C-alpha atoms as a PDB file:
ATOM      1  CA  UNK A   1     122.629 104.303 107.539  1.00  0.00           C
ATOM      2  CA  UNK A   2     120.902 100.975 107.517  1.00  0.00           C
ATOM      3  CA  UNK A   3     117.514 102.555 106.696  1.00  0.00           C
ATOM      4  CA  UNK A   4     119.132 104.681 103.941  1.00  0.00           C
ATOM      5  CA  UNK A   5     120.676 101.575 102.501  1.00  0.00           C
ATOM      6  CA  UNK A   6     117.280  99.887 102.319  1.00  0.00           C
ATOM      7  CA  UNK A   7     115.711 102.904 100.651  1.00  0.00           C
ATOM      8  CA  UNK A   8     118.368 103.187  97.900  1.00  0.00           C
ATOM      9  CA  UNK A   9     116.671 100.821  95.440  1.00  0.00           C
ATOM     10  CA  UNK A  10     113.350 102.627  95.942  1.00  0.00           C
ATOM     11  CA  UNK A  11     114.999 105.944  95.328  1.00  0.00           C
ATOM     12  CA  UNK A  12     116.576 104.652  92.252  1.00  0.00           C
ATOM     13  CA  UNK A  13     113.096 103.573  90.901  1.00  0.00           C
ATOM     14  CA  UNK A  14     111.592 106.984  91.808  1.00  0.00           C
ATOM     15  CA  UNK A  15     114.416 108.773  89.963  1.00  0.00           C
ATOM     16  CA  UNK A  16     113.900 106.559  86.970  1.00  0.00           C
ATOM     17  CA  UNK A  17     110.235 107.302  86.889  1.00  0.00           C
ATOM     18  CA  UNK A  18     111.049 111.015  87.058  1.00  0.00           C
ATOM     19  CA  UNK A  19     113.556 110.625  84.180  1.00  0.00           C
ATOM     20  CA  UNK A  20     110.991 108.851  82.044  1.00  0.00           C
ATOM     21  CA  UNK A  21     108.426 111.558  82.741  1.00  0.00           C
ATOM     22  CA  UNK A  22     110.811 114.380  81.728  1.00  0.00           C
ATOM     23  CA  UNK A  23     112.121 112.558  78.689  1.00  0.00           C
ATOM     24  CA  UNK A  24     108.538 111.758  77.487  1.00  0.00           C
ATOM     25  CA  UNK A  25     107.715 115.406  77.323  1.00  0.00           C
ATOM     26  CA  UNK A  26     110.979 116.433  75.577  1.00  0.00           C
ATOM     27  CA  UNK A  27     112.427 113.610  73.628  1.00  0.00           C
ATOM     28  CA  UNK A  28     109.772 111.163  72.398  1.00  0.00           C
ATOM     29  CA  UNK A  29     109.441 112.599  68.908  1.00  0.00           C
ATOM     30  CA  UNK A  30     113.230 112.777  68.513  1.00  0.00           C
ATOM     31  CA  UNK A  31     113.740 109.209  69.622  1.00  0.00           C
ATOM     32  CA  UNK A  32     110.897 108.023  67.406  1.00  0.00           C
ATOM     33  CA  UNK A  33     112.382 109.779  64.484  1.00  0.00           C
ATOM     34  CA  UNK A  34     115.727 107.872  65.049  1.00  0.00           C
ATOM     35  CA  UNK A  35     113.777 104.597  64.856  1.00  0.00           C
ATOM     36  CA  UNK A  36     111.844 105.620  61.776  1.00  0.00           C
ATOM     37  CA  UNK A  37     115.149 106.351  59.855  1.00  0.00           C
ATOM     38  CA  UNK A  38     117.097 103.407  61.393  1.00  0.00           C
ATOM     39  CA  UNK A  39     118.918 100.886  59.245  1.00  0.00           C
ATOM     40  CA  UNK A  40     120.441  97.722  60.628  1.00  0.00           C
ATOM     41  CA  UNK A  41     123.968  98.662  61.780  1.00  0.00           C
ATOM     42  CA  UNK A  42     123.396 102.386  62.165  1.00  0.00           C
ATOM     43  CA  UNK A  43     124.230 102.090  65.901  1.00  0.00           C
ATOM     44  CA  UNK A  44     127.298  99.985  65.316  1.00  0.00           C
ATOM     45  CA  UNK A  45     130.511 101.489  66.892  1.00  0.00           C
ATOM     46  CA  UNK A  46     134.026 100.684  65.582  1.00  0.00           C
ATOM     47  CA  UNK A  47     135.923  98.451  67.975  1.00  0.00           C
ATOM     48  CA  UNK A  48     139.249  96.746  67.620  1.00  0.00           C
ATOM     49  CA  UNK A  49     140.177  98.539  64.328  1.00  0.00           C
ATOM     50  CA  UNK A  50     137.504  96.636  62.422  1.00  0.00           C
ATOM     51  CA  UNK A  51     135.713  98.334  59.511  1.00  0.00           C
ATOM     52  CA  UNK A  52     131.947  98.353  59.220  1.00  0.00           C
ATOM     53  CA  UNK A  53     132.304  96.644  55.816  1.00  0.00           C
ATOM     54  CA  UNK A  54     133.864  93.660  57.603  1.00  0.00           C
ATOM     55  CA  UNK A  55     130.847  93.153  59.799  1.00  0.00           C
ATOM     56  CA  UNK A  56     128.136  90.582  58.922  1.00  0.00           C
ATOM     57  CA  UNK A  57     125.141  92.972  59.433  1.00  0.00           C
ATOM     58  CA  UNK A  58     121.784  91.485  58.500  1.00  0.00           C
ATOM     59  CA  UNK A  59     119.379  93.610  56.410  1.00  0.00           C
ATOM     60  CA  UNK A  60     116.913  93.589  59.367  1.00  0.00           C
ATOM     61  CA  UNK A  61     117.557  93.208  63.020  1.00  0.00           C
ATOM     62  CA  UNK A  62     115.239  90.787  64.815  1.00  0.00           C
ATOM     63  CA  UNK A  63     113.827  91.523  68.335  1.00  0.00           C
ATOM     64  CA  UNK A  64     112.126  88.469  69.926  1.00  0.00           C
ATOM     65  CA  UNK A  65     109.359  88.767  72.600  1.00  0.00           C
ATOM     66  CA  UNK A  66     109.148  85.836  74.997  1.00  0.00           C
ATOM     67  CA  UNK A  67     107.169  85.266  78.097  1.00  0.00           C
ATOM     68  CA  UNK A  68     104.532  83.146  79.659  1.00  0.00           C
ATOM     69  CA  UNK A  69     100.803  83.037  78.886  1.00  0.00           C
ATOM     70  CA  UNK A  70      98.907  86.287  79.412  1.00  0.00           C
ATOM     71  CA  UNK A  71     102.073  88.283  79.932  1.00  0.00           C
ATOM     72  CA  UNK A  72     101.143  90.936  77.426  1.00  0.00           C
ATOM     73  CA  UNK A  73     103.377  90.231  74.465  1.00  0.00           C
ATOM     74  CA  UNK A  74     100.712  90.852  71.860  1.00  0.00           C
ATOM     75  CA  UNK A  75      99.476  93.866  73.709  1.00  0.00           C
ATOM     76  CA  UNK A  76     103.008  95.205  73.699  1.00  0.00           C
ATOM     77  CA  UNK A  77     103.142  94.758  69.928  1.00  0.00           C
ATOM     78  CA  UNK A  78      99.937  96.750  69.598  1.00  0.00           C
ATOM     79  CA  UNK A  79     101.459  99.536  71.710  1.00  0.00           C
ATOM     80  CA  UNK A  80     104.447  99.591  69.404  1.00  0.00           C
ATOM     81  CA  UNK A  81     102.197  99.881  66.405  1.00  0.00           C
ATOM     82  CA  UNK A  82     100.230 102.779  67.886  1.00  0.00           C
ATOM     83  CA  UNK A  83     103.345 104.669  69.140  1.00  0.00           C
ATOM     84  CA  UNK A  84     105.879 103.961  66.297  1.00  0.00           C
ATOM     85  CA  UNK A  85     103.544 103.122  63.457  1.00  0.00           C
ATOM     86  CA  UNK A  86     100.961 105.810  64.218  1.00  0.00           C
ATOM     87  CA  UNK A  87      98.245 103.195  63.782  1.00  0.00           C
ATOM     88  CA  UNK A  88      95.865 104.518  66.404  1.00  0.00           C
ATOM     89  CA  UNK A  89      93.608 101.764  67.896  1.00  0.00           C
ATOM     90  CA  UNK A  90      93.890  99.308  65.077  1.00  0.00           C
ATOM     91  CA  UNK A  91      94.853  95.908  66.649  1.00  0.00           C
ATOM     92  CA  UNK A  92      97.542  94.307  64.494  1.00  0.00           C
ATOM     93  CA  UNK A  93      98.272  91.475  67.035  1.00  0.00           C
ATOM     94  CA  UNK A  94      95.401  89.484  68.496  1.00  0.00           C
ATOM     95  CA  UNK A  95      95.559  89.307  72.260  1.00  0.00           C
ATOM     96  CA  UNK A  96      94.326  86.577  74.574  1.00  0.00           C
ATOM     97  CA  UNK A  97      91.826  89.079  76.056  1.00  0.00           C
ATOM     98  CA  UNK A  98      90.157  89.630  72.694  1.00  0.00           C
ATOM     99  CA  UNK A  99      88.322  87.161  70.380  1.00  0.00           C
ATOM    100  CA  UNK A 100      91.555  85.701  69.156  1.00  0.00           C
ATOM    101  CA  UNK A 101      91.393  82.486  67.155  1.00  0.00           C
ATOM    102  CA  UNK A 102      93.111  79.530  68.644  1.00  0.00           C
ATOM    103  CA  UNK A 103      95.340  79.128  65.640  1.00  0.00           C
ATOM    104  CA  UNK A 104      97.135  82.407  66.110  1.00  0.00           C
ATOM    105  CA  UNK A 105      98.807  81.192  69.271  1.00  0.00           C
ATOM    106  CA  UNK A 106     100.253  78.225  67.431  1.00  0.00           C
ATOM    107  CA  UNK A 107     102.470  80.393  65.217  1.00  0.00           C
ATOM    108  CA  UNK A 108     105.168  83.091  65.466  1.00  0.00           C
ATOM    109  CA  UNK A 109     104.228  86.390  63.966  1.00  0.00           C
ATOM    110  CA  UNK A 110     106.738  88.889  62.436  1.00  0.00           C
ATOM    111  CA  UNK A 111     105.652  92.391  62.868  1.00  0.00           C
ATOM    112  CA  UNK A 112     106.887  95.560  61.044  1.00  0.00           C
ATOM    113  CA  UNK A 113     105.750  97.905  63.767  1.00  0.00           C
ATOM    114  CA  UNK A 114     106.906 101.004  61.845  1.00  0.00           C
ATOM    115  CA  UNK A 115     104.673  99.971  58.984  1.00  0.00           C
ATOM    116  CA  UNK A 116     107.495 100.978  56.603  1.00  0.00           C
ATOM    117  CA  UNK A 117     109.095  98.968  53.728  1.00  0.00           C
ATOM    118  CA  UNK A 118     112.434 100.599  54.795  1.00  0.00           C
ATOM    119  CA  UNK A 119     112.208  99.445  58.451  1.00  0.00           C
ATOM    120  CA  UNK A 120     115.560  98.143  59.708  1.00  0.00           C
ATOM    121  CA  UNK A 121     114.086  95.922  62.469  1.00  0.00           C
ATOM    122  CA  UNK A 122     111.227  93.627  63.128  1.00  0.00           C
ATOM    123  CA  UNK A 123     109.431  92.272  66.238  1.00  0.00           C
ATOM    124  CA  UNK A 124     108.599  88.685  66.701  1.00  0.00           C
ATOM    125  CA  UNK A 125     105.588  87.781  68.794  1.00  0.00           C
ATOM    126  CA  UNK A 126     105.705  84.263  70.178  1.00  0.00           C
ATOM    127  CA  UNK A 127     103.509  81.758  71.855  1.00  0.00           C
ATOM    128  CA  UNK A 128     103.427  82.023  75.644  1.00  0.00           C
ATOM    129  CA  UNK A 129     105.034  79.373  77.775  1.00  0.00           C
ATOM    130  CA  UNK A 130     103.453  77.435  80.620  1.00  0.00           C
ATOM    131  CA  UNK A 131     104.588  77.824  84.204  1.00  0.00           C
ATOM    132  CA  UNK A 132     104.385  74.054  84.595  1.00  0.00           C
ATOM    133  CA  UNK A 133     106.576  73.407  81.578  1.00  0.00           C
ATOM    134  CA  UNK A 134     109.582  75.567  82.103  1.00  0.00           C
ATOM    135  CA  UNK A 135     112.076  72.921  81.042  1.00  0.00           C
ATOM    136  CA  UNK A 136     110.276  72.449  77.674  1.00  0.00           C
ATOM    137  CA  UNK A 137     110.060  76.166  77.325  1.00  0.00           C
ATOM    138  CA  UNK A 138     113.907  76.540  77.682  1.00  0.00           C
ATOM    139  CA  UNK A 139     114.436  73.794  75.102  1.00  0.00           C
ATOM    140  CA  UNK A 140     112.132  75.564  72.660  1.00  0.00           C
ATOM    141  CA  UNK A 141     113.774  78.903  73.422  1.00  0.00           C
ATOM    142  CA  UNK A 142     117.193  77.340  72.650  1.00  0.00           C
ATOM    143  CA  UNK A 143     115.920  76.286  69.258  1.00  0.00           C
ATOM    144  CA  UNK A 144     114.643  79.831  68.503  1.00  0.00           C
ATOM    145  CA  UNK A 145     118.074  81.306  69.512  1.00  0.00           C
ATOM    146  CA  UNK A 146     119.886  79.062  67.142  1.00  0.00           C
ATOM    147  CA  UNK A 147     121.096  80.412  63.779  1.00  0.00           C
ATOM    148  CA  UNK A 148     118.098  80.904  61.419  1.00  0.00           C
ATOM    149  CA  UNK A 149     115.928  79.928  64.337  1.00  0.00           C
ATOM    150  CA  UNK A 150     112.800  81.959  63.630  1.00  0.00           C
ATOM    151  CA  UNK A 151     110.646  82.832  60.614  1.00  0.00           C
ATOM    152  CA  UNK A 152     107.100  84.209  60.050  1.00  0.00           C
ATOM    153  CA  UNK A 153     104.312  81.779  60.821  1.00  0.00           C
ATOM    154  CA  UNK A 154     106.718  79.232  62.356  1.00  0.00           C
ATOM    155  CA  UNK A 155     104.710  76.603  64.218  1.00  0.00           C
ATOM    156  CA  UNK A 156     105.109  76.514  68.016  1.00  0.00           C
ATOM    157  CA  UNK A 157     103.516  73.171  68.861  1.00  0.00           C
ATOM    158  CA  UNK A 158     103.160  71.874  72.379  1.00  0.00           C
ATOM    159  CA  UNK A 159     101.877  68.533  73.781  1.00  0.00           C
ATOM    160  CA  UNK A 160      98.164  68.319  73.205  1.00  0.00           C
ATOM    161  CA  UNK A 161      98.108  70.495  70.175  1.00  0.00           C
ATOM    162  CA  UNK A 162      97.698  67.572  67.703  1.00  0.00           C
ATOM    163  CA  UNK A 163      93.922  67.550  68.203  1.00  0.00           C
ATOM    164  CA  UNK A 164      93.724  71.145  66.828  1.00  0.00           C
ATOM    165  CA  UNK A 165      95.724  70.595  63.630  1.00  0.00           C
ATOM    166  CA  UNK A 166      92.956  68.778  61.593  1.00  0.00           C
ATOM    167  CA  UNK A 167      90.445  71.536  62.483  1.00  0.00           C
ATOM    168  CA  UNK A 168      92.842  74.321  61.571  1.00  0.00           C
ATOM    169  CA  UNK A 169      94.568  72.639  58.657  1.00  0.00           C
ATOM    170  CA  UNK A 170      93.481  75.161  56.048  1.00  0.00           C
ATOM    171  CA  UNK A 171      94.801  78.087  58.178  1.00  0.00           C
ATOM    172  CA  UNK A 172      98.118  76.373  58.924  1.00  0.00           C
ATOM    173  CA  UNK A 173      98.898  75.017  55.501  1.00  0.00           C
ATOM    174  CA  UNK A 174     101.430  77.768  54.872  1.00  0.00           C
ATOM    175  CA  UNK A 175     102.908  77.844  58.393  1.00  0.00           C
ATOM    176  CA  UNK A 176     106.114  76.179  57.324  1.00  0.00           C
ATOM    177  CA  UNK A 177     106.308  77.758  53.904  1.00  0.00           C
ATOM    178  CA  UNK A 178     109.787  78.230  52.479  1.00  0.00           C
ATOM    179  CA  UNK A 179     108.849  81.699  51.174  1.00  0.00           C
ATOM    180  CA  UNK A 180     109.427  83.303  54.597  1.00  0.00           C
ATOM    181  CA  UNK A 181     112.890  84.475  55.347  1.00  0.00           C
ATOM    182  CA  UNK A 182     114.618  82.785  58.331  1.00  0.00           C
ATOM    183  CA  UNK A 183     116.171  85.199  60.752  1.00  0.00           C
ATOM    184  CA  UNK A 184     118.671  85.210  63.580  1.00  0.00           C
ATOM    185  CA  UNK A 185     117.530  86.653  66.848  1.00  0.00           C
ATOM    186  CA  UNK A 186     119.552  89.782  67.677  1.00  0.00           C
ATOM    187  CA  UNK A 187     117.905  90.755  70.986  1.00  0.00           C
ATOM    188  CA  UNK A 188     115.328  89.358  73.360  1.00  0.00           C
ATOM    189  CA  UNK A 189     112.620  91.129  75.346  1.00  0.00           C
ATOM    190  CA  UNK A 190     111.272  88.988  78.283  1.00  0.00           C
ATOM    191  CA  UNK A 191     107.680  90.200  78.990  1.00  0.00           C
ATOM    192  CA  UNK A 192     106.206  89.508  82.414  1.00  0.00           C
ATOM    193  CA  UNK A 193     102.771  90.083  83.924  1.00  0.00           C
ATOM    194  CA  UNK A 194     103.667  92.139  87.087  1.00  0.00           C
ATOM    195  CA  UNK A 195     100.207  91.982  88.425  1.00  0.00           C
ATOM    196  CA  UNK A 196      99.942  88.192  88.156  1.00  0.00           C
ATOM    197  CA  UNK A 197     103.383  87.701  89.812  1.00  0.00           C
ATOM    198  CA  UNK A 198     102.679  90.158  92.635  1.00  0.00           C
ATOM    199  CA  UNK A 199      99.288  88.665  93.463  1.00  0.00           C
ATOM    200  CA  UNK A 200     100.889  85.197  93.507  1.00  0.00           C
ATOM    201  CA  UNK A 201     103.635  86.383  95.821  1.00  0.00           C
ATOM    202  CA  UNK A 202     101.108  87.859  98.303  1.00  0.00           C
ATOM    203  CA  UNK A 203      99.416  84.425  98.273  1.00  0.00           C
ATOM    204  CA  UNK A 204     102.678  82.719  98.929  1.00  0.00           C
ATOM    205  CA  UNK A 205     103.039  81.177  95.477  1.00  0.00           C
ATOM    206  CA  UNK A 206     106.532  81.629  94.075  1.00  0.00           C
ATOM    207  CA  UNK A 207     106.093  79.594  90.966  1.00  0.00           C
ATOM    208  CA  UNK A 208     105.516  82.461  88.534  1.00  0.00           C
ATOM    209  CA  UNK A 209     108.516  84.388  89.874  1.00  0.00           C
ATOM    210  CA  UNK A 210     110.746  81.337  89.941  1.00  0.00           C
ATOM    211  CA  UNK A 211     109.690  80.410  86.340  1.00  0.00           C
ATOM    212  CA  UNK A 212     110.425  84.010  85.225  1.00  0.00           C
ATOM    213  CA  UNK A 213     113.860  83.696  86.767  1.00  0.00           C
ATOM    214  CA  UNK A 214     114.703  80.486  84.858  1.00  0.00           C
ATOM    215  CA  UNK A 215     113.547  82.064  81.632  1.00  0.00           C
ATOM    216  CA  UNK A 216     115.330  85.401  82.237  1.00  0.00           C
ATOM    217  CA  UNK A 217     118.618  83.717  83.343  1.00  0.00           C
ATOM    218  CA  UNK A 218     118.501  81.056  80.601  1.00  0.00           C
ATOM    219  CA  UNK A 219     121.955  80.491  79.061  1.00  0.00           C
ATOM    220  CA  UNK A 220     120.363  80.800  75.586  1.00  0.00           C
ATOM    221  CA  UNK A 221     119.508  84.437  76.392  1.00  0.00           C
ATOM    222  CA  UNK A 222     122.794  85.242  77.995  1.00  0.00           C
ATOM    223  CA  UNK A 223     125.421  83.967  75.609  1.00  0.00           C
ATOM    224  CA  UNK A 224     126.810  87.203  74.230  1.00  0.00           C
ATOM    225  CA  UNK A 225     124.537  90.170  74.737  1.00  0.00           C
ATOM    226  CA  UNK A 226     124.191  90.122  78.488  1.00  0.00           C
ATOM    227  CA  UNK A 227     120.828  90.121  80.197  1.00  0.00           C
ATOM    228  CA  UNK A 228     117.741  90.484  77.977  1.00  0.00           C
ATOM    229  CA  UNK A 229     115.458  93.525  78.298  1.00  0.00           C
ATOM    230  CA  UNK A 230     112.731  92.990  80.954  1.00  0.00           C
ATOM    231  CA  UNK A 231     109.279  94.425  80.227  1.00  0.00           C
ATOM    232  CA  UNK A 232     106.725  94.452  83.091  1.00  0.00           C
ATOM    233  CA  UNK A 233     103.185  94.743  82.025  1.00  0.00           C
ATOM    234  CA  UNK A 234      99.711  94.991  83.688  1.00  0.00           C
ATOM    235  CA  UNK A 235     101.125  97.072  86.408  1.00  0.00           C
ATOM    236  CA  UNK A 236      98.219  99.439  86.140  1.00  0.00           C
ATOM    237  CA  UNK A 237      96.130  96.849  87.889  1.00  0.00           C
ATOM    238  CA  UNK A 238      98.135  97.431  91.047  1.00  0.00           C
ATOM    239  CA  UNK A 239      98.393 100.467  93.330  1.00  0.00           C
ATOM    240  CA  UNK A 240     101.329 102.745  92.911  1.00  0.00           C
ATOM    241  CA  UNK A 241     103.043 101.378  96.038  1.00  0.00           C
ATOM    242  CA  UNK A 242     102.473  97.764  95.028  1.00  0.00           C
ATOM    243  CA  UNK A 243     103.581  98.411  91.588  1.00  0.00           C
ATOM    244  CA  UNK A 244     106.951  99.848  92.742  1.00  0.00           C
ATOM    245  CA  UNK A 245     107.191  97.045  95.349  1.00  0.00           C
ATOM    246  CA  UNK A 246     106.589  94.417  92.717  1.00  0.00           C
ATOM    247  CA  UNK A 247     109.351  95.932  90.489  1.00  0.00           C
ATOM    248  CA  UNK A 248     111.813  95.831  93.397  1.00  0.00           C
ATOM    249  CA  UNK A 249     110.944  92.229  94.321  1.00  0.00           C
ATOM    250  CA  UNK A 250     111.242  90.970  90.760  1.00  0.00           C
ATOM    251  CA  UNK A 251     114.551  92.749  89.986  1.00  0.00           C
ATOM    252  CA  UNK A 252     116.036  91.500  93.320  1.00  0.00           C
ATOM    253  CA  UNK A 253     114.955  87.968  92.660  1.00  0.00           C
ATOM    254  CA  UNK A 254     116.330  88.080  89.184  1.00  0.00           C
ATOM    255  CA  UNK A 255     119.627  89.659  90.334  1.00  0.00           C
ATOM    256  CA  UNK A 256     119.304  92.558  87.924  1.00  0.00           C
ATOM    257  CA  UNK A 257     119.201  96.347  88.118  1.00  0.00           C
ATOM    258  CA  UNK A 258     115.998  97.997  89.298  1.00  0.00           C
ATOM    259  CA  UNK A 259     116.318 100.637  86.617  1.00  0.00           C
ATOM    260  CA  UNK A 260     118.751  99.528  83.847  1.00  0.00           C
ATOM    261  CA  UNK A 261     117.222  97.403  81.196  1.00  0.00           C
ATOM    262  CA  UNK A 262     113.827  97.105  82.892  1.00  0.00           C
ATOM    263  CA  UNK A 263     110.624  98.901  81.851  1.00  0.00           C
ATOM    264  CA  UNK A 264     107.220  99.121  83.441  1.00  0.00           C
ATOM    265  CA  UNK A 265     104.820  99.652  80.525  1.00  0.00           C
ATOM    266  CA  UNK A 266     101.010  99.898  80.417  1.00  0.00           C
ATOM    267  CA  UNK A 267     100.234  98.160  77.155  1.00  0.00           C
ATOM    268  CA  UNK A 268      97.364  99.005  74.727  1.00  0.00           C
ATOM    269  CA  UNK A 269      94.934  96.325  73.599  1.00  0.00           C
ATOM    270  CA  UNK A 270      92.312  96.503  70.932  1.00  0.00           C
ATOM    271  CA  UNK A 271      90.001  97.986  73.636  1.00  0.00           C
ATOM    272  CA  UNK A 272      92.670 100.343  75.154  1.00  0.00           C
ATOM    273  CA  UNK A 273      93.606 103.967  74.781  1.00  0.00           C
ATOM    274  CA  UNK A 274      96.094 105.388  72.377  1.00  0.00           C
ATOM    275  CA  UNK A 275      99.164 105.604  74.450  1.00  0.00           C
ATOM    276  CA  UNK A 276     100.799 108.407  72.432  1.00  0.00           C
ATOM    277  CA  UNK A 277      98.117 110.831  73.525  1.00  0.00           C
ATOM    278  CA  UNK A 278      96.944 109.619  76.978  1.00  0.00           C
ATOM    279  CA  UNK A 279     100.099 107.943  78.311  1.00  0.00           C
ATOM    280  CA  UNK A 280     103.224 109.611  77.172  1.00  0.00           C
ATOM    281  CA  UNK A 281     105.359 107.851  79.729  1.00  0.00           C
ATOM    282  CA  UNK A 282     104.489 104.381  78.351  1.00  0.00           C
ATOM    283  CA  UNK A 283     104.893 105.644  74.876  1.00  0.00           C
ATOM    284  CA  UNK A 284     108.399 106.845  75.629  1.00  0.00           C
ATOM    285  CA  UNK A 285     109.248 103.771  77.655  1.00  0.00           C
ATOM    286  CA  UNK A 286     108.389 101.371  74.824  1.00  0.00           C
ATOM    287  CA  UNK A 287     110.230 103.572  72.340  1.00  0.00           C
ATOM    288  CA  UNK A 288     113.357 103.608  74.494  1.00  0.00           C
ATOM    289  CA  UNK A 289     113.063  99.898  74.970  1.00  0.00           C
ATOM    290  CA  UNK A 290     113.189  99.262  71.242  1.00  0.00           C
ATOM    291  CA  UNK A 291     116.030 101.742  70.955  1.00  0.00           C
ATOM    292  CA  UNK A 292     118.017  99.910  73.566  1.00  0.00           C
ATOM    293  CA  UNK A 293     117.330  96.625  71.850  1.00  0.00           C
ATOM    294  CA  UNK A 294     118.783  98.000  68.628  1.00  0.00           C
ATOM    295  CA  UNK A 295     121.783  99.317  70.388  1.00  0.00           C
ATOM    296  CA  UNK A 296     122.377  95.854  71.867  1.00  0.00           C
ATOM    297  CA  UNK A 297     121.824  94.235  68.498  1.00  0.00           C
ATOM    298  CA  UNK A 298     124.300  96.435  66.630  1.00  0.00           C
ATOM    299  CA  UNK A 299     126.917  96.094  69.358  1.00  0.00           C
ATOM    300  CA  UNK A 300     126.797  92.270  69.122  1.00  0.00           C
ATOM    301  CA  UNK A 301     127.058  92.066  65.300  1.00  0.00           C
ATOM    302  CA  UNK A 302     129.643  89.450  64.165  1.00  0.00           C
ATOM    303  CA  UNK A 303     132.585  89.840  61.840  1.00  0.00           C
ATOM    304  CA  UNK A 304     132.209  88.278  58.381  1.00  0.00           C
ATOM    305  CA  UNK A 305     133.935  84.980  57.931  1.00  0.00           C
ATOM    306  CA  UNK A 306     136.800  85.105  55.500  1.00  0.00           C
ATOM    307  CA  UNK A 307     138.017  82.269  53.186  1.00  0.00           C
ATOM    308  CA  UNK A 308     140.672  81.360  55.782  1.00  0.00           C
ATOM    309  CA  UNK A 309     137.958  81.105  58.473  1.00  0.00           C
ATOM    310  CA  UNK A 310     136.011  78.665  56.341  1.00  0.00           C
ATOM    311  CA  UNK A 311     139.121  76.700  55.458  1.00  0.00           C
ATOM    312  CA  UNK A 312     140.095  76.351  59.159  1.00  0.00           C
ATOM    313  CA  UNK A 313     136.512  75.333  59.996  1.00  0.00           C
ATOM    314  CA  UNK A 314     136.607  72.666  57.202  1.00  0.00           C
ATOM    315  CA  UNK A 315     139.980  71.445  58.389  1.00  0.00           C
ATOM    316  CA  UNK A 316     138.892  71.158  61.915  1.00  0.00           C
ATOM    317  CA  UNK A 317     135.888  69.046  60.881  1.00  0.00           C
ATOM    318  CA  UNK A 318     138.209  66.912  58.700  1.00  0.00           C
ATOM    319  CA  UNK A 319     140.538  66.258  61.555  1.00  0.00           C
ATOM    320  CA  UNK A 320     137.619  65.386  63.845  1.00  0.00           C
ATOM    321  CA  UNK A 321     136.325  62.960  61.195  1.00  0.00           C
ATOM    322  CA  UNK A 322     139.755  61.310  60.889  1.00  0.00           C
ATOM    323  CA  UNK A 323     140.168  61.160  64.671  1.00  0.00           C
ATOM    324  CA  UNK A 324     136.835  59.416  64.844  1.00  0.00           C
ATOM    325  CA  UNK A 325     137.879  56.868  62.177  1.00  0.00           C
ATOM    326  CA  UNK A 326     141.141  56.071  63.979  1.00  0.00           C
ATOM    327  CA  UNK A 327     139.353  55.718  67.250  1.00  0.00           C
ATOM    328  CA  UNK A 328     136.883  53.240  65.690  1.00  0.00           C
ATOM    329  CA  UNK A 329     139.868  51.338  64.068  1.00  0.00           C
ATOM    330  CA  UNK A 330     141.724  51.238  67.409  1.00  0.00           C
ATOM    331  CA  UNK A 331     138.571  49.934  69.101  1.00  0.00           C
ATOM    332  CA  UNK A 332     138.174  47.160  66.430  1.00  0.00           C
ATOM    333  CA  UNK A 333     141.718  46.087  66.580  1.00  0.00           C
ATOM    334  CA  UNK A 334     141.620  46.062  70.333  1.00  0.00           C
ATOM    335  CA  UNK A 335     138.598  43.790  70.344  1.00  0.00           C
ATOM    336  CA  UNK A 336     140.302  41.477  67.863  1.00  0.00           C
ATOM    337  CA  UNK A 337     143.468  41.324  69.952  1.00  0.00           C
ATOM    338  CA  UNK A 338     141.420  40.520  73.067  1.00  0.00           C
ATOM    339  CA  UNK A 339     139.580  37.805  71.099  1.00  0.00           C
ATOM    340  CA  UNK A 340     142.754  36.080  69.885  1.00  0.00           C
ATOM    341  CA  UNK A 341     144.758  36.676  72.996  1.00  0.00           C
ATOM    342  CA  UNK A 342     146.323  33.373  74.146  1.00  0.00           C
ATOM    343  CA  UNK A 343     145.639  31.542  70.914  1.00  0.00           C
ATOM    344  CA  UNK A 344     149.000  32.543  69.366  1.00  0.00           C
ATOM    345  CA  UNK A 345     151.748  29.923  69.978  1.00  0.00           C
ATOM    346  CA  UNK A 346     155.480  30.749  69.719  1.00  0.00           C
END
């Protein structure tokens, strides 16, 4: 019984791999068609007697990719283009493995991976974090998760980037342009380099894995939608046994399911193969990951604020303001009373 209990997570992963294989041969086109015709709010389900018209559904749902340097975020975007946008081998997102210009890593990039003017969602590629700067990364992530926290070509500056700005001034002049629409993040995909993490673990270095846990379990990512979606990349650099073992170790350390909300995807780069033809499992996995992200996004849509909500909000701020004034007056009068204490004669 004890050995069977230890094998249970492994069996779950093997069954999940079998499921993805079967689904990739039967349902890839069907699922892809659902994303092609998707409009924000299509996956919303009535709950609590609230009508869809009463929901504050944005015109476009935003999926944010976050991760550390060389985790494969841009390669994942290229895979989405090739699978969902039928772009073939055209690289829309510059990767760190290619001849990417330095300035591209300083800015967010909004991607319409369907390459359609009617797309109901967009993907945001962000600058990778440093393993040695996790606390700064969490603060930056909190800013992105705030209302209207992201927009196309938003600068993601880090300490030491000041020396690059004069050189790249002409390319960054429109980085903070007001013409770009500010968006709320609806769902987050955490992208992790499985090969890098596993090699570090074998060398006794837990820093990459611990940093991933801090990012994945960040309160900013777990406020309302539960855990973010975890995407493991570069697993093709490991043997099959090591690849499965890495997945089990990562999911156990993060305290998440080995099969639910986690995807092991071989990403395509500008030098890679077209996943849709040569790797149908990765093609289906990335399609299902986007589909899951949209399900999460529509499930977490908020109700529109009514006039009464705004009135109560304004009243609460007014009461807080008045409370602050009375607290200041009380403090002033208390100081005056202490100053003149004993000077009054009866």
